């Protein structure tokens, strides 16, 4: 079979997006061509997520979709990512239409695997547990790029599958990080996001020298010339240091926005989750951040319906959200992840109660977000223009330093530039504005 076109679908976190960029680079440098449609591809790669059951459900649905395509034309179906790492050869037993499974520690071999494909229909599992290997490039999207700086997690939160499918923490060589960033800087990138499952725990030592995350940020800041905004994801509350807070306050290139997952407002549930902090610890950290960094905004993750969660625990979370007033939140209900510590607990919160509680916090957060955004209407914000609006070709879509979405009239030649935009009104969660000339 003459295999020369590919189709990649990415699910889950920004790290997966960055790794998909690396896989595309592997194929592009070998002369492969990205297919215009999934039905046209000789090879389909599904880069999967296993953090929540809903993510895996979507993947099973997509596999069914490609099963139908394979009934009408030859197509090699490859599954990689966290779901592949978790299930490995079980894929072949449950879904014979899957041809190749590649674990998280073997994504760097995708190009070689695809180049050696044959038409004999044999199944292959690539899931060795060698040390995680960072690739030199991770693709880019217009003016923005993701740059992984560390991989894996040592925290073992009781509900989380990540340490089991991503492995222990590994920090990337700072010289490799700076090499990638300098290349992006020279190619017109305006914003980079430094990535890690627990990015603040970056620690790199070599020949007696030691670099932590604030020190790495200082290296990055000194290396860039054209990149104006630097972000980082994801932060664990217990690992944000005073040195990092001070650096954000001092350096205008570090965006005044932090995604800081709290997960819950009850100390009892936080302990069961093995989060390593109390609500008071988190509250004090927020005070420290807001005291030192003017204009900072916070978003978070909140998990509802954890095993043993009582009405009082839930009310503690409601009260915590009202007190902190996050700009935004990713909110979800607990579902059992096989292999985690929480999977051995009695999941005794009824599904109907989980849904009811989830609906309540979503409505609360929507009201908080709307109130805070309304206060910004009438002000002017610096916006990085990302793309043309899908709904109106005469409008542009961009984001503020605080990661807020803004739509305004403009020409496509503005994409990749910074503009001052007056925020006029809100439509849902999106600002509508006009360029302030």
Protein backbone atom coordinates (compact mmCIF):
# COMPACT_ATOMS: atom_id res chain seq x y z
CA UNK A 1 0.00 0.00 0.00
CA UNK A 2 1.36 3.42 -0.95
CA UNK A 3 1.02 5.25 2.36
CA UNK A 4 1.68 8.96 2.12
CA UNK A 5 -1.19 10.91 3.70
CA UNK A 6 -2.06 11.27 7.40
CA UNK A 7 -4.79 12.62 9.67
CA UNK A 8 -4.18 13.44 13.36
CA UNK A 9 -6.90 14.05 15.93
CA UNK A 10 -5.93 15.34 19.38
CA UNK A 11 -7.93 14.99 22.58
CA UNK A 12 -7.27 16.28 26.08
CA UNK A 13 -4.56 18.54 27.45
CA UNK A 14 -2.16 21.04 25.92
CA UNK A 15 0.68 18.53 26.33
CA UNK A 16 -1.13 16.24 23.91
CA UNK A 17 -1.48 19.16 21.51
CA UNK A 18 2.25 19.83 21.72
CA UNK A 19 3.08 16.17 21.21
CA UNK A 20 0.74 16.02 18.22
CA UNK A 21 2.73 18.94 16.82
CA UNK A 22 5.89 16.86 17.23
CA UNK A 23 4.30 13.88 15.51
CA UNK A 24 3.20 16.08 12.60
CA UNK A 25 6.77 17.37 12.33
CA UNK A 26 8.05 13.78 12.21
CA UNK A 27 5.73 12.94 9.33
CA UNK A 28 6.17 16.22 7.45
CA UNK A 29 9.97 15.89 7.43
CA UNK A 30 9.57 12.41 5.93
CA UNK A 31 7.50 13.75 3.04
CA UNK A 32 4.10 12.78 4.31
CA UNK A 33 1.15 15.04 3.46
CA UNK A 34 -1.68 16.00 5.76
CA UNK A 35 -5.00 14.81 4.32
CA UNK A 36 -7.76 17.34 3.73
CA UNK A 37 -10.38 15.01 5.25
CA UNK A 38 -10.25 12.00 7.53
CA UNK A 39 -11.77 9.86 4.77
CA UNK A 40 -8.80 10.67 2.49
CA UNK A 41 -6.04 9.63 4.90
CA UNK A 42 -3.93 6.52 4.50
CA UNK A 43 -2.99 6.71 8.18
CA UNK A 44 -5.15 8.06 11.02
CA UNK A 45 -3.56 8.86 14.40
CA UNK A 46 -5.79 9.37 17.44
CA UNK A 47 -3.84 11.08 20.24
CA UNK A 48 -6.02 10.21 23.19
CA UNK A 49 -6.87 11.35 26.73
CA UNK A 50 -7.69 9.14 29.71
CA UNK A 51 -8.21 11.73 32.45
CA UNK A 52 -12.00 11.39 32.39
CA UNK A 53 -14.39 8.70 31.25
CA UNK A 54 -16.12 11.16 28.91
CA UNK A 55 -12.84 11.65 27.02
CA UNK A 56 -12.50 7.90 26.48
CA UNK A 57 -16.14 7.63 25.42
CA UNK A 58 -15.45 10.11 22.61
CA UNK A 59 -12.51 8.01 21.44
CA UNK A 60 -14.57 4.84 21.25
CA UNK A 61 -17.05 6.76 19.12
CA UNK A 62 -14.32 7.97 16.77
CA UNK A 63 -12.92 4.46 16.45
CA UNK A 64 -16.38 3.34 15.36
CA UNK A 65 -16.37 6.13 12.77
CA UNK A 66 -13.07 4.96 11.30
CA UNK A 67 -14.23 1.35 11.37
CA UNK A 68 -16.89 2.34 8.81
CA UNK A 69 -14.31 4.17 6.67
CA UNK A 70 -12.07 1.09 6.69
CA UNK A 71 -14.95 -0.94 5.27
CA UNK A 72 -14.77 1.11 2.05
CA UNK A 73 -11.02 1.87 1.67
CA UNK A 74 -7.65 0.79 3.11
CA UNK A 75 -6.69 2.84 6.16
CA UNK A 76 -4.26 2.25 9.03
CA UNK A 77 -5.65 3.27 12.42
CA UNK A 78 -3.11 4.20 15.11
CA UNK A 79 -4.06 4.98 18.71
CA UNK A 80 -1.55 6.78 20.94
CA UNK A 81 -1.62 8.94 24.07
CA UNK A 82 -2.84 8.27 27.58
CA UNK A 83 -5.66 5.91 26.64
CA UNK A 84 -3.18 3.85 24.64
CA UNK A 85 -0.79 3.82 27.58
CA UNK A 86 -3.54 2.70 29.93
CA UNK A 87 -5.09 -0.06 27.81
CA UNK A 88 -2.17 -1.17 25.62
CA UNK A 89 -2.96 -4.47 23.81
CA UNK A 90 -6.51 -4.52 25.20
CA UNK A 91 -7.31 -2.27 22.25
CA UNK A 92 -6.75 -5.14 19.84
CA UNK A 93 -9.13 -7.40 21.75
CA UNK A 94 -11.90 -4.82 22.07
CA UNK A 95 -11.48 -3.05 18.74
CA UNK A 96 -9.88 -5.17 15.99
CA UNK A 97 -10.06 -2.18 13.64
CA UNK A 98 -7.17 -0.59 15.59
CA UNK A 99 -3.91 -1.56 13.86
CA UNK A 100 -1.17 0.02 16.00
CA UNK A 101 -1.03 1.17 19.61
CA UNK A 102 1.73 3.58 20.68
CA UNK A 103 2.23 4.47 24.35
CA UNK A 104 3.22 7.90 25.69
CA UNK A 105 6.88 6.91 25.96
CA UNK A 106 7.08 5.87 22.31
CA UNK A 107 5.53 8.83 20.47
CA UNK A 108 8.97 9.81 19.23
CA UNK A 109 8.99 6.65 17.09
CA UNK A 110 5.82 7.49 15.14
CA UNK A 111 7.66 8.59 12.00
CA UNK A 112 9.71 5.38 11.83
CA UNK A 113 6.60 3.29 12.52
CA UNK A 114 4.65 4.94 9.71
CA UNK A 115 7.53 4.66 7.27
CA UNK A 116 7.69 0.92 7.88
CA UNK A 117 3.97 0.22 7.52
CA UNK A 118 2.99 -2.79 5.48
CA UNK A 119 -0.30 -3.99 4.10
CA UNK A 120 -0.23 -7.39 5.82
CA UNK A 121 -2.73 -6.31 8.48
CA UNK A 122 -0.56 -7.35 11.44
CA UNK A 123 -1.12 -5.67 14.81
CA UNK A 124 1.68 -3.88 16.65
CA UNK A 125 2.04 -2.60 20.20
CA UNK A 126 4.74 -0.02 20.96
CA UNK A 127 4.62 0.65 24.70
CA UNK A 128 8.12 0.33 26.14
CA UNK A 129 8.75 2.11 29.43
CA UNK A 130 12.05 3.79 28.71
CA UNK A 131 12.66 7.32 29.96
CA UNK A 132 10.41 9.90 28.36
CA UNK A 133 12.10 11.62 25.42
CA UNK A 134 11.38 15.23 24.57
CA UNK A 135 11.52 16.05 20.88
CA UNK A 136 13.19 19.19 19.58
CA UNK A 137 10.08 20.74 18.04
CA UNK A 138 6.40 20.70 18.97
CA UNK A 139 4.73 22.54 16.11
CA UNK A 140 2.96 25.86 16.40
CA UNK A 141 -0.42 27.42 15.67
CA UNK A 142 -0.08 30.83 14.07
CA UNK A 143 1.39 33.30 16.55
CA UNK A 144 1.14 30.91 19.49
CA UNK A 145 3.17 27.85 20.45
CA UNK A 146 3.36 25.26 23.22
CA UNK A 147 6.78 24.35 24.65
CA UNK A 148 6.95 21.34 27.01
CA UNK A 149 9.48 21.86 29.80
CA UNK A 150 8.70 18.88 32.03
CA UNK A 151 6.70 15.68 31.84
CA UNK A 152 4.97 13.39 34.29
CA UNK A 153 3.76 13.84 37.85
CA UNK A 154 4.84 12.69 41.32
CA UNK A 155 1.77 13.86 43.24
CA UNK A 156 -0.55 10.84 42.91
CA UNK A 157 -3.78 12.68 43.62
CA UNK A 158 -6.14 9.86 44.48
CA UNK A 159 -8.57 10.52 41.60
CA UNK A 160 -5.98 11.12 38.88
CA UNK A 161 -4.68 8.66 36.28
CA UNK A 162 -1.90 10.97 35.02
CA UNK A 163 1.03 9.58 37.10
CA UNK A 164 0.19 6.09 35.87
CA UNK A 165 0.03 6.96 32.17
CA UNK A 166 2.63 9.74 32.09
CA UNK A 167 5.11 8.37 34.63
CA UNK A 168 7.30 10.24 37.14
CA UNK A 169 8.42 13.83 36.66
CA UNK A 170 11.19 14.43 34.14
CA UNK A 171 12.55 17.93 33.54
CA UNK A 172 13.73 18.87 30.06
CA UNK A 173 17.26 20.09 29.41
CA UNK A 174 17.11 23.92 29.56
CA UNK A 175 19.44 24.21 26.56
CA UNK A 176 16.91 22.23 24.48
CA UNK A 177 14.08 24.43 25.79
CA UNK A 178 15.95 27.62 24.89
CA UNK A 179 16.87 26.22 21.49
CA UNK A 180 13.23 25.58 20.65
CA UNK A 181 12.14 28.97 22.00
CA UNK A 182 14.80 30.85 20.03
CA UNK A 183 13.64 29.10 16.86
CA UNK A 184 10.04 30.07 17.57
CA UNK A 185 11.15 33.61 18.38
CA UNK A 186 12.81 33.88 14.99
CA UNK A 187 9.75 32.49 13.19
CA UNK A 188 7.35 35.20 14.33
CA UNK A 189 5.73 33.55 17.36
CA UNK A 190 4.30 36.15 19.74
CA UNK A 191 3.16 33.96 22.64
CA UNK A 192 4.50 30.76 24.15
CA UNK A 193 3.05 28.53 26.85
CA UNK A 194 5.50 26.47 28.89
CA UNK A 195 3.93 23.09 29.62
CA UNK A 196 4.13 20.43 32.27
CA UNK A 197 1.72 18.22 34.16
CA UNK A 198 3.07 20.08 37.20
CA UNK A 199 5.10 22.85 35.62
CA UNK A 200 6.13 24.60 38.85
CA UNK A 201 7.99 21.50 40.01
CA UNK A 202 10.52 21.85 37.17
CA UNK A 203 13.94 20.87 38.54
CA UNK A 204 16.97 20.29 36.35
CA UNK A 205 20.44 19.47 37.61
CA UNK A 206 23.58 18.83 35.60
CA UNK A 207 27.20 18.77 36.71
CA UNK A 208 26.38 20.37 40.03
CA UNK A 209 24.22 23.17 38.63
CA UNK A 210 20.56 23.37 39.61
CA UNK A 211 17.72 25.19 37.85
CA UNK A 212 14.20 25.51 39.26
CA UNK A 213 11.16 26.93 37.49
CA UNK A 214 11.68 30.64 38.35
CA UNK A 215 15.31 30.33 37.20
CA UNK A 216 14.17 28.70 33.96
CA UNK A 217 11.72 31.55 33.38
CA UNK A 218 14.55 34.07 33.82
CA UNK A 219 16.59 32.18 31.21
CA UNK A 220 13.63 32.22 28.83
CA UNK A 221 13.02 35.93 29.37
CA UNK A 222 16.63 36.71 28.57
CA UNK A 223 16.53 34.60 25.38
CA UNK A 224 13.46 36.06 23.63
CA UNK A 225 13.44 39.16 21.45
CA UNK A 226 10.06 39.17 19.71
CA UNK A 227 7.90 36.93 21.91
CA UNK A 228 5.87 39.33 24.06
CA UNK A 229 3.73 36.99 26.18
CA UNK A 230 4.81 33.96 28.19
CA UNK A 231 2.33 31.67 29.95
CA UNK A 232 2.70 28.39 31.83
CA UNK A 233 0.45 25.39 32.58
CA UNK A 234 -0.44 23.64 34.83
CA UNK A 235 0.34 24.88 38.34
CA UNK A 236 -0.10 22.84 41.50
CA UNK A 237 -0.91 25.14 44.44
CA UNK A 238 1.68 23.57 46.71
CA UNK A 239 4.51 24.33 44.27
CA UNK A 240 4.04 28.05 43.57
CA UNK A 241 6.91 29.80 45.32
CA UNK A 242 7.28 33.38 46.48
CA UNK A 243 10.12 33.68 44.00
CA UNK A 244 7.77 32.82 41.14
CA UNK A 245 5.15 35.30 42.37
CA UNK A 246 7.81 38.01 42.60
CA UNK A 247 9.02 37.26 39.07
CA UNK A 248 5.50 37.54 37.62
CA UNK A 249 5.11 40.90 39.37
CA UNK A 250 8.41 42.19 37.99
CA UNK A 251 8.31 40.90 34.41
CA UNK A 252 5.65 42.34 32.05
CA UNK A 253 6.17 39.50 29.56
CA UNK A 254 4.78 36.98 32.07
CA UNK A 255 1.02 37.04 31.59
CA UNK A 256 -1.05 38.14 34.57
CA UNK A 257 -3.12 35.00 34.55
CA UNK A 258 -2.63 31.70 36.40
CA UNK A 259 -4.62 28.52 36.08
CA UNK A 260 -4.50 27.20 39.66
CA UNK A 261 -6.61 24.06 40.21
CA UNK A 262 -8.14 23.95 43.70
CA UNK A 263 -10.41 20.92 43.03
CA UNK A 264 -12.50 21.36 46.20
CA UNK A 265 -13.33 23.66 49.12
CA UNK A 266 -13.58 21.02 51.85
CA UNK A 267 -10.44 20.11 53.80
CA UNK A 268 -11.75 16.60 54.37
CA UNK A 269 -12.21 16.00 50.64
CA UNK A 270 -8.90 17.68 49.78
CA UNK A 271 -7.21 15.23 52.17
CA UNK A 272 -8.98 12.26 50.58
CA UNK A 273 -7.88 13.58 47.21
CA UNK A 274 -4.26 13.72 48.48
CA UNK A 275 -3.88 17.29 47.26
CA UNK A 276 -1.28 18.29 49.86
CA UNK A 277 -2.88 21.55 51.02
CA UNK A 278 -5.93 22.84 52.87
CA UNK A 279 -8.50 25.40 51.79
CA UNK A 280 -6.77 27.87 54.12
CA UNK A 281 -3.40 27.18 52.45
CA UNK A 282 -4.94 27.89 49.06
CA UNK A 283 -6.69 30.98 50.37
CA UNK A 284 -3.40 32.34 51.74
CA UNK A 285 -1.65 31.64 48.43
CA UNK A 286 -4.32 33.60 46.55
CA UNK A 287 -3.89 36.52 48.98
CA UNK A 288 -0.12 36.45 48.41
CA UNK A 289 -0.53 36.42 44.62
CA UNK A 290 -3.10 39.22 44.51
CA UNK A 291 -1.16 41.35 47.00
CA UNK A 292 1.97 41.24 44.87
CA UNK A 293 0.74 41.04 41.27
CA UNK A 294 -1.58 43.81 40.14
CA UNK A 295 -4.24 42.85 37.61
CA UNK A 296 -3.74 39.10 38.11
CA UNK A 297 -6.65 36.78 37.29
CA UNK A 298 -7.15 33.18 38.38
CA UNK A 299 -8.95 30.25 36.82
CA UNK A 300 -9.30 26.83 38.41
CA UNK A 301 -10.55 23.23 38.26
CA UNK A 302 -13.31 21.98 40.56
CA UNK A 303 -14.22 18.31 41.00
CA UNK A 304 -17.67 17.56 42.40
CA UNK A 305 -19.06 14.25 43.67
CA UNK A 306 -15.84 12.72 44.98
CA UNK A 307 -16.44 9.53 47.03
CA UNK A 308 -17.78 10.44 50.46
CA UNK A 309 -18.65 14.03 49.54
CA UNK A 310 -21.43 15.21 51.86
CA UNK A 311 -23.79 18.15 51.47
CA UNK A 312 -21.62 20.05 53.98
CA UNK A 313 -18.51 19.35 51.87
CA UNK A 314 -20.31 20.59 48.80
CA UNK A 315 -21.51 23.75 50.59
CA UNK A 316 -17.92 24.41 51.65
CA UNK A 317 -16.98 24.42 47.97
CA UNK A 318 -19.84 26.76 47.12
CA UNK A 319 -18.69 29.13 49.85
CA UNK A 320 -15.09 28.91 48.68
CA UNK A 321 -16.05 29.81 45.12
CA UNK A 322 -18.04 32.81 46.34
CA UNK A 323 -15.09 33.96 48.43
CA UNK A 324 -12.30 33.59 45.86
CA UNK A 325 -14.39 34.58 42.81
CA UNK A 326 -12.39 32.86 40.09
CA UNK A 327 -12.52 34.46 36.67
CA UNK A 328 -13.27 31.06 35.17
CA UNK A 329 -13.37 27.39 36.14
CA UNK A 330 -13.32 23.99 34.54
CA UNK A 331 -15.95 22.05 36.49
CA UNK A 332 -16.60 18.33 36.29
CA UNK A 333 -18.03 15.45 38.28
CA UNK A 334 -16.11 12.49 39.61
CA UNK A 335 -15.98 9.29 37.63
CA UNK A 336 -13.96 6.26 38.60
CA UNK A 337 -10.56 5.80 36.97
CA UNK A 338 -9.33 2.22 37.21
CA UNK A 339 -5.90 2.01 38.83
CA UNK A 340 -6.19 5.16 40.96
CA UNK A 341 -6.45 5.14 44.76
CA UNK A 342 -9.95 6.61 44.63
CA UNK A 343 -11.10 3.63 42.54
CA UNK A 344 -10.91 1.53 45.72
CA UNK A 345 -13.18 3.94 47.62
CA UNK A 346 -16.93 3.56 47.85
CA UNK A 347 -18.33 5.81 45.12
CA UNK A 348 -21.39 6.51 47.26
CA UNK A 349 -22.56 9.80 45.77
CA UNK A 350 -25.55 9.11 43.57
CA UNK A 351 -25.15 10.16 39.94
CA UNK A 352 -28.26 12.33 40.12
CA UNK A 353 -26.75 14.20 43.09
CA UNK A 354 -23.45 14.66 41.24
CA UNK A 355 -25.30 16.17 38.28
CA UNK A 356 -27.40 18.43 40.51
CA UNK A 357 -24.32 19.71 42.37
CA UNK A 358 -22.39 20.16 39.13
CA UNK A 359 -25.24 22.20 37.67
CA UNK A 360 -25.27 24.42 40.76
CA UNK A 361 -21.58 25.25 40.65
CA UNK A 362 -21.70 25.85 36.89
CA UNK A 363 -24.52 28.36 37.36
CA UNK A 364 -22.65 30.02 40.24
CA UNK A 365 -19.42 30.32 38.27
CA UNK A 366 -21.28 31.64 35.24
CA UNK A 367 -22.72 34.44 37.40
CA UNK A 368 -19.31 35.24 38.93
CA UNK A 369 -17.58 35.29 35.53
CA UNK A 370 -20.28 37.48 34.04
CA UNK A 371 -20.09 39.95 36.92
CA UNK A 372 -16.31 40.28 36.65
CA UNK A 373 -16.34 40.61 32.88
CA UNK A 374 -19.04 43.29 32.94
CA UNK A 375 -16.70 45.43 35.03
CA UNK A 376 -14.27 45.43 32.10
CA UNK A 377 -16.76 46.65 29.52
CA UNK A 378 -15.73 50.15 28.46
CA UNK A 379 -12.03 49.49 29.08
CA UNK A 380 -9.30 48.89 26.50
CA UNK A 381 -7.22 45.71 26.45
CA UNK A 382 -4.16 44.51 24.58
CA UNK A 383 -5.23 41.58 22.40
CA UNK A 384 -3.24 39.02 20.43
CA UNK A 385 -5.18 38.36 17.22
CA UNK A 386 -5.37 34.60 16.64
CA UNK A 387 -7.71 33.85 13.74
CA UNK A 388 -10.74 34.83 11.69
CA UNK A 389 -14.09 34.21 13.38
CA UNK A 390 -15.82 31.06 12.13
CA UNK A 391 -19.20 32.79 12.34
CA UNK A 392 -18.28 35.96 10.44
CA UNK A 393 -15.35 36.23 8.02
CA UNK A 394 -15.25 39.97 8.60
CA UNK A 395 -14.47 39.53 12.29
CA UNK A 396 -11.31 38.52 14.12
CA UNK A 397 -10.85 36.44 17.25
CA UNK A 398 -8.19 37.22 19.82
CA UNK A 399 -7.34 36.88 23.50
CA UNK A 400 -6.29 39.26 26.22
CA UNK A 401 -3.39 38.80 28.61
CA UNK A 402 -5.94 37.35 31.07
CA UNK A 403 -6.89 34.71 28.44
CA UNK A 404 -10.30 36.29 27.72
CA UNK A 405 -11.79 35.82 24.26
CA UNK A 406 -12.50 38.96 22.20
CA UNK A 407 -14.26 39.29 18.83
CA UNK A 408 -14.06 42.47 16.74
CA UNK A 409 -14.21 43.65 13.12
CA UNK A 410 -10.93 43.54 11.26
CA UNK A 411 -8.87 42.32 8.32
CA UNK A 412 -7.14 38.89 8.30
CA UNK A 413 -3.77 40.58 7.77
CA UNK A 414 -3.97 41.56 11.46
CA UNK A 415 -3.65 37.92 12.55
CA UNK A 416 -0.50 37.42 14.61
CA UNK A 417 -0.33 41.03 15.78
CA UNK A 418 -1.14 42.79 19.03
CA UNK A 419 -3.91 45.39 18.96
CA UNK A 420 -5.56 47.63 21.51
CA UNK A 421 -9.24 46.73 21.54
CA UNK A 422 -12.01 48.54 23.37
CA UNK A 423 -14.25 45.99 25.13
CA UNK A 424 -17.79 47.15 24.37
CA UNK A 425 -20.12 44.36 25.45
CA UNK A 426 -20.48 40.67 26.25
CA UNK A 427 -22.09 37.87 24.31
CA UNK A 428 -22.01 34.80 26.52
CA UNK A 429 -18.41 34.51 27.76
CA UNK A 430 -16.96 36.46 24.83
CA UNK A 431 -16.15 40.16 24.68
CA UNK A 432 -17.26 42.11 21.62
CA UNK A 433 -15.14 45.13 20.86
CA UNK A 434 -13.58 47.46 18.32
CA UNK A 435 -10.00 48.28 17.54
CA UNK A 436 -8.86 51.38 19.41
CA UNK A 437 -6.90 53.25 16.75
